[in-house]
């Protein structure tokens, strides 16, 4: 079983305008700032439900007939290759890790990352990167990202998939990214808020389908 660890770096005195950086290269001091009423509401939500293979194929049906043929009988990764990256498991050896900034608090027991708000710009700030490695350049990977987003939208970028803006969907905001035959054995998916009032990250589930 890969070793998992929680890493958080934050300023000694976290003010409203300060930044906390979520990084797999430094350790947490064990302090979690007080959550807002909205963040406590998010903590009480049901864990995100995993999409089954039939639902995934339905999402991908419009890509191409060739891809549909490859997905008739999708197979899961073996030996833990169906992975989840979250505040609880930000690093999975030889598979991927999270890197974020502008993070003000996290809840490791109900894993979530909450991002800061800029009173001068009157919008939420921060960002998150999902790094995946040791990919097969002839494989298909499906990424389910579970968020909470109020107002505006989240700009989703990827080194191996089209960029797009996902409009706010509230507490159960889901972003789906498909990576087909990545160029290299490493890929990046980035999340950045646009005119968002509040947002948080719950988890990213990555599965190989072919």
C-alpha atoms as a PDB file:
ATOM      1  CA  UNK A   1       0.000   0.000   0.000  1.00  0.00           C
ATOM      2  CA  UNK A   2       1.549   3.363  -1.013  1.00  0.00           C
ATOM      3  CA  UNK A   3       2.425   5.630   1.891  1.00  0.00           C
ATOM      4  CA  UNK A   4       0.105   8.638   2.149  1.00  0.00           C
ATOM      5  CA  UNK A   5       0.666  11.920   3.870  1.00  0.00           C
ATOM      6  CA  UNK A   6      -1.021  15.280   4.392  1.00  0.00           C
ATOM      7  CA  UNK A   7       1.011  18.380   3.659  1.00  0.00           C
ATOM      8  CA  UNK A   8       0.059  21.989   4.290  1.00  0.00           C
ATOM      9  CA  UNK A   9       2.195  25.098   4.438  1.00  0.00           C
ATOM     10  CA  UNK A  10       0.733  28.323   5.810  1.00  0.00           C
ATOM     11  CA  UNK A  11       1.918  31.683   7.084  1.00  0.00           C
ATOM     12  CA  UNK A  12       2.725  31.981  10.861  1.00  0.00           C
ATOM     13  CA  UNK A  13      -0.206  34.366  11.359  1.00  0.00           C
ATOM     14  CA  UNK A  14      -2.899  33.770   8.767  1.00  0.00           C
ATOM     15  CA  UNK A  15      -4.764  37.030   8.117  1.00  0.00           C
ATOM     16  CA  UNK A  16      -7.627  37.649   5.708  1.00  0.00           C
ATOM     17  CA  UNK A  17      -5.217  38.635   2.924  1.00  0.00           C
ATOM     18  CA  UNK A  18      -2.610  35.969   3.711  1.00  0.00           C
ATOM     19  CA  UNK A  19      -2.075  32.859   1.632  1.00  0.00           C
ATOM     20  CA  UNK A  20      -1.754  29.253   2.719  1.00  0.00           C
ATOM     21  CA  UNK A  21      -0.110  26.894   0.247  1.00  0.00           C
ATOM     22  CA  UNK A  22      -1.005  23.233  -0.001  1.00  0.00           C
ATOM     23  CA  UNK A  23       2.140  21.444  -1.136  1.00  0.00           C
ATOM     24  CA  UNK A  24       3.472  17.877  -0.920  1.00  0.00           C
ATOM     25  CA  UNK A  25       6.956  19.169  -0.016  1.00  0.00           C
ATOM     26  CA  UNK A  26       6.329  20.525   3.493  1.00  0.00           C
ATOM     27  CA  UNK A  27       4.532  19.263   6.562  1.00  0.00           C
ATOM     28  CA  UNK A  28       1.479  20.607   8.381  1.00  0.00           C
ATOM     29  CA  UNK A  29       1.797  22.291  11.768  1.00  0.00           C
ATOM     30  CA  UNK A  30      -1.438  20.539  12.755  1.00  0.00           C
ATOM     31  CA  UNK A  31      -3.459  23.761  13.065  1.00  0.00           C
ATOM     32  CA  UNK A  32      -6.771  24.082  11.231  1.00  0.00           C
ATOM     33  CA  UNK A  33      -8.387  27.578  11.203  1.00  0.00           C
ATOM     34  CA  UNK A  34     -11.999  27.962  12.316  1.00  0.00           C
ATOM     35  CA  UNK A  35     -14.476  27.039   9.581  1.00  0.00           C
ATOM     36  CA  UNK A  36     -17.220  29.383   8.435  1.00  0.00           C
ATOM     37  CA  UNK A  37     -20.894  28.383   8.633  1.00  0.00           C
ATOM     38  CA  UNK A  38     -20.840  27.655   4.895  1.00  0.00           C
ATOM     39  CA  UNK A  39     -17.757  25.451   5.230  1.00  0.00           C
ATOM     40  CA  UNK A  40     -19.373  23.527   8.101  1.00  0.00           C
ATOM     41  CA  UNK A  41     -22.390  22.962   5.844  1.00  0.00           C
ATOM     42  CA  UNK A  42     -20.090  21.519   3.196  1.00  0.00           C
ATOM     43  CA  UNK A  43     -18.468  19.229   5.773  1.00  0.00           C
ATOM     44  CA  UNK A  44     -21.898  17.692   6.503  1.00  0.00           C
ATOM     45  CA  UNK A  45     -22.584  16.802   2.858  1.00  0.00           C
ATOM     46  CA  UNK A  46     -22.656  13.198   1.709  1.00  0.00           C
ATOM     47  CA  UNK A  47     -19.385  11.951   0.154  1.00  0.00           C
ATOM     48  CA  UNK A  48     -19.390  12.227  -3.659  1.00  0.00           C
ATOM     49  CA  UNK A  49     -20.703   9.107  -5.356  1.00  0.00           C
ATOM     50  CA  UNK A  50     -18.546   7.401  -7.924  1.00  0.00           C
ATOM     51  CA  UNK A  51     -19.868   7.208 -11.489  1.00  0.00           C
ATOM     52  CA  UNK A  52     -20.251   3.674 -12.823  1.00  0.00           C
ATOM     53  CA  UNK A  53     -18.727   2.587 -16.127  1.00  0.00           C
ATOM     54  CA  UNK A  54     -22.019   2.876 -18.016  1.00  0.00           C
ATOM     55  CA  UNK A  55     -22.398   6.515 -16.963  1.00  0.00           C
ATOM     56  CA  UNK A  56     -18.820   7.279 -18.003  1.00  0.00           C
ATOM     57  CA  UNK A  57     -19.350   5.757 -21.445  1.00  0.00           C
ATOM     58  CA  UNK A  58     -22.507   7.869 -21.849  1.00  0.00           C
ATOM     59  CA  UNK A  59     -20.451  11.004 -21.147  1.00  0.00           C
ATOM     60  CA  UNK A  60     -17.828   9.958 -23.716  1.00  0.00           C
ATOM     61  CA  UNK A  61     -20.184   8.770 -26.471  1.00  0.00           C
ATOM     62  CA  UNK A  62     -19.914  11.991 -28.466  1.00  0.00           C
ATOM     63  CA  UNK A  63     -16.112  11.892 -28.777  1.00  0.00           C
ATOM     64  CA  UNK A  64     -15.773   9.505 -31.716  1.00  0.00           C
ATOM     65  CA  UNK A  65     -16.949   6.084 -32.947  1.00  0.00           C
ATOM     66  CA  UNK A  66     -13.379   4.792 -32.618  1.00  0.00           C
ATOM     67  CA  UNK A  67     -13.243   5.776 -28.953  1.00  0.00           C
ATOM     68  CA  UNK A  68     -16.663   4.250 -28.264  1.00  0.00           C
ATOM     69  CA  UNK A  69     -15.443   0.952 -29.665  1.00  0.00           C
ATOM     70  CA  UNK A  70     -12.445   1.009 -27.319  1.00  0.00           C
ATOM     71  CA  UNK A  71     -14.726   1.624 -24.337  1.00  0.00           C
ATOM     72  CA  UNK A  72     -17.187  -1.243 -24.824  1.00  0.00           C
ATOM     73  CA  UNK A  73     -15.626  -3.122 -21.910  1.00  0.00           C
ATOM     74  CA  UNK A  74     -13.535  -0.639 -19.908  1.00  0.00           C
ATOM     75  CA  UNK A  75     -11.181  -2.183 -17.409  1.00  0.00           C
ATOM     76  CA  UNK A  76     -10.119  -0.709 -14.069  1.00  0.00           C
ATOM     77  CA  UNK A  77      -6.484  -0.087 -13.232  1.00  0.00           C
ATOM     78  CA  UNK A  78      -4.900  -2.980 -11.398  1.00  0.00           C
ATOM     79  CA  UNK A  79      -3.227  -2.866  -7.975  1.00  0.00           C
ATOM     80  CA  UNK A  80      -4.615   0.502  -6.877  1.00  0.00           C
ATOM     81  CA  UNK A  81      -4.581   2.198 -10.278  1.00  0.00           C
ATOM     82  CA  UNK A  82      -8.061   3.548  -9.532  1.00  0.00           C
ATOM     83  CA  UNK A  83      -6.908   6.373  -7.265  1.00  0.00           C
ATOM     84  CA  UNK A  84      -8.321   9.275  -5.257  1.00  0.00           C
ATOM     85  CA  UNK A  85      -6.374  12.473  -4.564  1.00  0.00           C
ATOM     86  CA  UNK A  86      -7.750  14.666  -1.751  1.00  0.00           C
ATOM     87  CA  UNK A  87      -6.675  16.637   1.332  1.00  0.00           C
ATOM     88  CA  UNK A  88      -6.457  13.269   3.076  1.00  0.00           C
ATOM     89  CA  UNK A  89      -4.338  11.683   0.322  1.00  0.00           C
ATOM     90  CA  UNK A  90      -2.593  14.556  -1.526  1.00  0.00           C
ATOM     91  CA  UNK A  91       0.260  12.305  -2.678  1.00  0.00           C
ATOM     92  CA  UNK A  92       0.139   8.772  -4.066  1.00  0.00           C
ATOM     93  CA  UNK A  93       3.593   7.498  -4.903  1.00  0.00           C
ATOM     94  CA  UNK A  94       4.244   6.901  -8.623  1.00  0.00           C
ATOM     95  CA  UNK A  95       0.708   8.030  -9.517  1.00  0.00           C
ATOM     96  CA  UNK A  96       0.200  11.723  -8.758  1.00  0.00           C
ATOM     97  CA  UNK A  97      -0.107  14.603  -6.297  1.00  0.00           C
ATOM     98  CA  UNK A  98      -1.948  17.857  -5.589  1.00  0.00           C
ATOM     99  CA  UNK A  99      -0.476  21.353  -5.475  1.00  0.00           C
ATOM    100  CA  UNK A 100      -2.595  24.333  -4.430  1.00  0.00           C
ATOM    101  CA  UNK A 101      -2.357  27.933  -3.253  1.00  0.00           C
ATOM    102  CA  UNK A 102      -4.643  30.445  -1.558  1.00  0.00           C
ATOM    103  CA  UNK A 103      -5.920  27.714   0.769  1.00  0.00           C
ATOM    104  CA  UNK A 104      -7.164  28.933   4.145  1.00  0.00           C
ATOM    105  CA  UNK A 105      -8.325  25.720   5.792  1.00  0.00           C
ATOM    106  CA  UNK A 106      -8.703  21.988   5.323  1.00  0.00           C
ATOM    107  CA  UNK A 107     -10.677  19.196   6.936  1.00  0.00           C
ATOM    108  CA  UNK A 108      -8.720  15.913   6.929  1.00  0.00           C
ATOM    109  CA  UNK A 109     -11.523  13.904   8.566  1.00  0.00           C
ATOM    110  CA  UNK A 110     -14.022  14.970   5.891  1.00  0.00           C
ATOM    111  CA  UNK A 111     -11.389  15.826   3.281  1.00  0.00           C
ATOM    112  CA  UNK A 112     -11.849  19.257   1.753  1.00  0.00           C
ATOM    113  CA  UNK A 113      -9.715  22.275   0.850  1.00  0.00           C
ATOM    114  CA  UNK A 114     -11.254  25.736   1.214  1.00  0.00           C
ATOM    115  CA  UNK A 115      -9.916  28.714  -0.730  1.00  0.00           C
ATOM    116  CA  UNK A 116      -9.448  32.324   0.351  1.00  0.00           C
ATOM    117  CA  UNK A 117     -11.612  35.342  -0.514  1.00  0.00           C
ATOM    118  CA  UNK A 118     -10.186  38.698  -1.623  1.00  0.00           C
ATOM    119  CA  UNK A 119     -12.169  41.570  -0.020  1.00  0.00           C
ATOM    120  CA  UNK A 120     -10.580  44.062  -2.442  1.00  0.00           C
ATOM    121  CA  UNK A 121     -11.469  42.095  -5.579  1.00  0.00           C
ATOM    122  CA  UNK A 122     -14.647  40.708  -3.963  1.00  0.00           C
ATOM    123  CA  UNK A 123     -14.056  37.247  -5.415  1.00  0.00           C
ATOM    124  CA  UNK A 124     -12.609  33.955  -4.261  1.00  0.00           C
ATOM    125  CA  UNK A 125      -8.981  33.350  -5.171  1.00  0.00           C
ATOM    126  CA  UNK A 126      -6.427  30.534  -5.150  1.00  0.00           C
ATOM    127  CA  UNK A 127      -5.999  27.571  -7.440  1.00  0.00           C
ATOM    128  CA  UNK A 128      -5.287  23.861  -7.604  1.00  0.00           C
ATOM    129  CA  UNK A 129      -3.139  21.634  -9.808  1.00  0.00           C
ATOM    130  CA  UNK A 130      -3.616  17.891 -10.222  1.00  0.00           C
ATOM    131  CA  UNK A 131      -0.424  16.203 -11.429  1.00  0.00           C
ATOM    132  CA  UNK A 132      -0.555  12.644 -12.805  1.00  0.00           C
ATOM    133  CA  UNK A 133       2.485  10.577 -13.723  1.00  0.00           C
ATOM    134  CA  UNK A 134       3.554   7.194 -15.069  1.00  0.00           C
ATOM    135  CA  UNK A 135       0.723   7.323 -17.613  1.00  0.00           C
ATOM    136  CA  UNK A 136       0.579   5.047 -20.636  1.00  0.00           C
ATOM    137  CA  UNK A 137       0.727   7.199 -23.773  1.00  0.00           C
ATOM    138  CA  UNK A 138      -1.737   4.818 -25.449  1.00  0.00           C
ATOM    139  CA  UNK A 139      -4.272   4.848 -22.628  1.00  0.00           C
ATOM    140  CA  UNK A 140      -7.578   6.548 -21.815  1.00  0.00           C
ATOM    141  CA  UNK A 141      -7.913   8.168 -18.380  1.00  0.00           C
ATOM    142  CA  UNK A 142     -11.110   9.504 -16.842  1.00  0.00           C
ATOM    143  CA  UNK A 143     -10.903  12.142 -14.092  1.00  0.00           C
ATOM    144  CA  UNK A 144     -13.854  13.010 -11.828  1.00  0.00           C
ATOM    145  CA  UNK A 145     -13.261  16.192  -9.822  1.00  0.00           C
ATOM    146  CA  UNK A 146     -15.668  16.963  -6.972  1.00  0.00           C
ATOM    147  CA  UNK A 147     -15.954  20.622  -5.920  1.00  0.00           C
ATOM    148  CA  UNK A 148     -18.217  23.180  -4.272  1.00  0.00           C
ATOM    149  CA  UNK A 149     -18.592  26.369  -6.338  1.00  0.00           C
ATOM    150  CA  UNK A 150     -20.895  29.361  -5.715  1.00  0.00           C
ATOM    151  CA  UNK A 151     -21.132  32.005  -8.429  1.00  0.00           C
ATOM    152  CA  UNK A 152     -19.033  32.386 -11.560  1.00  0.00           C
ATOM    153  CA  UNK A 153     -17.225  29.289 -12.774  1.00  0.00           C
ATOM    154  CA  UNK A 154     -14.038  27.258 -12.646  1.00  0.00           C
ATOM    155  CA  UNK A 155     -11.571  27.428 -15.536  1.00  0.00           C
ATOM    156  CA  UNK A 156     -10.274  23.939 -16.200  1.00  0.00           C
ATOM    157  CA  UNK A 157      -6.964  23.610 -18.014  1.00  0.00           C
ATOM    158  CA  UNK A 158      -5.135  20.468 -19.083  1.00  0.00           C
ATOM    159  CA  UNK A 159      -1.929  19.637 -20.891  1.00  0.00           C
ATOM    160  CA  UNK A 160      -3.712  16.811 -22.751  1.00  0.00           C
ATOM    161  CA  UNK A 161      -7.359  17.919 -23.044  1.00  0.00           C
ATOM    162  CA  UNK A 162      -9.326  21.013 -24.194  1.00  0.00           C
ATOM    163  CA  UNK A 163      -9.624  23.936 -21.780  1.00  0.00           C
ATOM    164  CA  UNK A 164     -13.110  25.021 -20.687  1.00  0.00           C
ATOM    165  CA  UNK A 165     -15.050  26.938 -18.020  1.00  0.00           C
ATOM    166  CA  UNK A 166     -17.367  24.896 -15.789  1.00  0.00           C
ATOM    167  CA  UNK A 167     -20.248  27.141 -14.535  1.00  0.00           C
ATOM    168  CA  UNK A 168     -21.022  27.070 -10.799  1.00  0.00           C
ATOM    169  CA  UNK A 169     -23.160  24.106  -9.714  1.00  0.00           C
ATOM    170  CA  UNK A 170     -23.307  24.727  -5.951  1.00  0.00           C
ATOM    171  CA  UNK A 171     -22.180  22.236  -3.311  1.00  0.00           C
ATOM    172  CA  UNK A 172     -22.268  19.251  -5.712  1.00  0.00           C
ATOM    173  CA  UNK A 173     -20.125  20.698  -8.503  1.00  0.00           C
ATOM    174  CA  UNK A 174     -18.566  18.022 -10.712  1.00  0.00           C
ATOM    175  CA  UNK A 175     -15.907  18.460 -13.392  1.00  0.00           C
ATOM    176  CA  UNK A 176     -15.153  15.631 -15.834  1.00  0.00           C
ATOM    177  CA  UNK A 177     -11.895  15.481 -17.802  1.00  0.00           C
ATOM    178  CA  UNK A 178     -10.950  12.780 -20.318  1.00  0.00           C
ATOM    179  CA  UNK A 179      -7.313  12.257 -21.267  1.00  0.00           C
ATOM    180  CA  UNK A 180      -6.878  10.192 -24.433  1.00  0.00           C
ATOM    181  CA  UNK A 181      -3.390   8.994 -25.436  1.00  0.00           C
ATOM    182  CA  UNK A 182      -1.409  11.579 -23.428  1.00  0.00           C
ATOM    183  CA  UNK A 183       1.629  13.085 -25.133  1.00  0.00           C
ATOM    184  CA  UNK A 184       3.965  12.215 -22.277  1.00  0.00           C
ATOM    185  CA  UNK A 185       3.842   9.963 -19.216  1.00  0.00           C
ATOM    186  CA  UNK A 186       2.995  12.996 -17.041  1.00  0.00           C
ATOM    187  CA  UNK A 187       0.031  15.351 -17.337  1.00  0.00           C
ATOM    188  CA  UNK A 188      -1.437  18.368 -15.517  1.00  0.00           C
ATOM    189  CA  UNK A 189      -5.015  19.450 -14.814  1.00  0.00           C
ATOM    190  CA  UNK A 190      -5.438  22.948 -13.351  1.00  0.00           C
ATOM    191  CA  UNK A 191      -8.430  24.601 -11.628  1.00  0.00           C
ATOM    192  CA  UNK A 192      -8.794  28.395 -11.268  1.00  0.00           C
ATOM    193  CA  UNK A 193     -11.845  30.404 -10.147  1.00  0.00           C
ATOM    194  CA  UNK A 194     -13.444  33.073 -12.335  1.00  0.00           C
ATOM    195  CA  UNK A 195     -15.799  35.546 -10.563  1.00  0.00           C
ATOM    196  CA  UNK A 196     -16.485  32.904  -7.885  1.00  0.00           C
ATOM    197  CA  UNK A 197     -17.958  33.826  -4.477  1.00  0.00           C
ATOM    198  CA  UNK A 198     -16.739  30.709  -2.662  1.00  0.00           C
ATOM    199  CA  UNK A 199     -15.213  27.385  -3.640  1.00  0.00           C
ATOM    200  CA  UNK A 200     -13.740  24.226  -2.188  1.00  0.00           C
ATOM    201  CA  UNK A 201     -12.162  20.992  -3.425  1.00  0.00           C
ATOM    202  CA  UNK A 202     -13.202  17.539  -2.200  1.00  0.00           C
ATOM    203  CA  UNK A 203     -11.451  14.959  -4.350  1.00  0.00           C
ATOM    204  CA  UNK A 204     -10.211  13.896  -7.766  1.00  0.00           C
ATOM    205  CA  UNK A 205     -10.739  10.271  -8.790  1.00  0.00           C
ATOM    206  CA  UNK A 206      -8.595   9.037 -11.660  1.00  0.00           C
ATOM    207  CA  UNK A 207      -9.275   5.787 -13.497  1.00  0.00           C
ATOM    208  CA  UNK A 208      -7.736   4.165 -16.528  1.00  0.00           C
ATOM    209  CA  UNK A 209     -10.432   2.910 -18.889  1.00  0.00           C
ATOM    210  CA  UNK A 210      -8.294   1.371 -21.660  1.00  0.00           C
END
